[in-house]
Amino acid sequence: MSFDGSARVKRGGGAYSAILWKLPEWRVLKARSGYAEGLTVNEAEYHGLLLWLDLLEDLDPQLLVICGGSNLVIREVRGEIDCEAPGLTLLRQRALERL
C-alpha cells in the first residue's frame, strides 16, 4: 500500500492518492485519488492516508507493506512526534480511529 498528497501553495487545492499493489510483481490491484480545495500539503498527505485506509477493507493488515510520501504524517501517526497543527490533529485522530 502507498499513499501520497501534494498541494501547489499554502491553502491551495490539494491532490491525494492511494494505491494497493500486489507484490512482488508490483501489479496495481486498487487505486484511488481525490482533490480538495483549501488543503495544505500536509493535509493532502493525511487525506491520502485516509483514502488508503478505505482501500484496506477485506485485507489482512499483517500482510501489508506500507509506504507513505510524508515523514511528518508517518511519525505523527506512530506517535514519534507531536501533532501541533489543529487541522492535522483532527485528521490524525480520524486516521488513528480507523487503524
Protein backbone atom coordinates (compact mmCIF):
# COMPACT_ATOMS: atom_id res chain seq x y z
CA MET A 1 0.00 0.00 0.00
CA SER A 2 1.19 3.51 -0.68
CA PHE A 3 -0.28 6.95 -0.16
CA ASP A 4 0.74 10.47 -1.08
CA GLY A 5 -0.54 14.03 -1.28
CA SER A 6 0.54 17.36 -2.72
CA ALA A 7 -0.54 20.99 -2.85
CA ARG A 8 0.73 23.84 -5.01
CA VAL A 9 0.66 26.65 -2.47
CA LYS A 10 -0.28 27.09 1.16
CA ARG A 11 -4.04 26.59 1.47
CA GLY A 12 -4.38 25.99 -2.25
CA GLY A 13 -6.03 22.93 -3.69
CA GLY A 14 -4.50 19.59 -2.82
CA ALA A 15 -4.44 16.26 -4.62
CA TYR A 16 -4.01 12.94 -2.87
CA SER A 17 -3.90 9.27 -3.82
CA ALA A 18 -3.66 5.73 -2.51
CA ILE A 19 -2.60 2.54 -4.27
CA LEU A 20 -2.84 -1.14 -3.32
CA TRP A 21 -0.07 -3.10 -5.03
CA LYS A 22 0.38 -6.87 -5.33
CA LEU A 23 3.96 -7.75 -4.50
CA PRO A 24 6.45 -8.85 -5.68
CA GLU A 25 5.25 -8.01 -9.19
CA TRP A 26 4.02 -4.51 -8.25
CA ARG A 27 0.68 -5.02 -10.01
CA VAL A 28 -1.94 -2.38 -9.14
CA LEU A 29 -4.98 -4.01 -7.50
CA LYS A 30 -6.81 -0.86 -6.42
CA ALA A 31 -6.12 2.83 -6.83
CA ARG A 32 -7.98 5.98 -5.85
CA SER A 33 -7.30 9.68 -5.95
CA GLY A 34 -9.02 12.88 -4.93
CA TYR A 35 -8.76 16.64 -4.88
CA ALA A 36 -9.98 19.21 -2.37
CA GLU A 37 -9.73 22.99 -2.22
CA GLY A 38 -8.06 24.72 0.70
CA LEU A 39 -5.59 21.99 1.69
CA THR A 40 -2.00 22.39 2.82
CA VAL A 41 0.46 19.79 1.59
CA ASN A 42 0.39 18.00 4.97
CA GLU A 43 -3.41 17.95 4.99
CA ALA A 44 -3.31 16.46 1.48
CA GLU A 45 -0.93 13.77 2.78
CA TYR A 46 -3.39 12.91 5.57
CA HIS A 47 -6.23 12.74 3.04
CA GLY A 48 -4.09 10.27 1.07
CA LEU A 49 -3.68 8.19 4.23
CA LEU A 50 -7.44 8.24 4.88
CA LEU A 51 -8.09 7.21 1.28
CA TRP A 52 -5.55 4.43 1.73
CA LEU A 53 -7.48 3.22 4.79
CA ASP A 54 -10.59 2.99 2.58
CA LEU A 55 -8.71 0.51 0.36
CA LEU A 56 -7.90 -1.75 3.32
CA GLU A 57 -11.37 -3.25 3.56
CA ASP A 58 -11.27 -7.07 3.41
CA LEU A 59 -7.47 -7.26 3.70
CA ASP A 60 -5.28 -8.88 6.34
CA PRO A 61 -3.28 -5.95 7.78
CA GLN A 62 -0.47 -8.30 8.84
CA LEU A 63 0.37 -8.92 5.19
CA LEU A 64 0.82 -5.26 4.26
CA VAL A 65 3.89 -3.24 3.36
CA ILE A 66 3.05 0.42 3.96
CA CYS A 67 4.77 3.27 2.11
CA GLY A 68 3.86 6.91 2.62
CA GLY A 69 5.01 10.11 1.00
CA SER A 70 5.19 12.12 4.21
CA ASN A 71 7.66 11.54 7.01
CA LEU A 72 5.65 14.00 9.12
CA VAL A 73 2.38 12.07 8.76
CA ILE A 74 4.03 8.70 9.39
CA ARG A 75 5.85 9.94 12.50
CA GLU A 76 2.74 11.71 13.87
CA VAL A 77 0.57 8.62 13.40
CA ARG A 78 3.22 6.42 15.03
CA GLY A 79 3.34 8.85 17.97
CA GLU A 80 7.01 9.67 17.45
CA ILE A 81 6.37 13.41 17.22
CA ASP A 82 3.59 15.67 18.45
CA CYS A 83 0.89 16.78 16.06
CA GLU A 84 0.58 20.53 16.71
CA ALA A 85 -1.45 21.97 13.80
CA PRO A 86 -5.18 21.93 14.66
CA GLY A 87 -6.23 20.77 11.18
CA LEU A 88 -3.70 17.94 11.23
CA THR A 89 -4.69 16.90 14.75
CA LEU A 90 -8.25 16.19 13.59
CA LEU A 91 -7.06 14.28 10.52
CA ARG A 92 -4.59 12.29 12.64
CA GLN A 93 -7.37 11.35 15.06
CA ARG A 94 -9.60 10.21 12.19
CA ALA A 95 -6.78 8.01 10.88
CA LEU A 96 -5.98 6.53 14.30
CA GLU A 97 -9.63 5.63 14.85
CA ARG A 98 -9.50 3.53 11.69
CA LEU A 99 -6.22 1.74 12.34
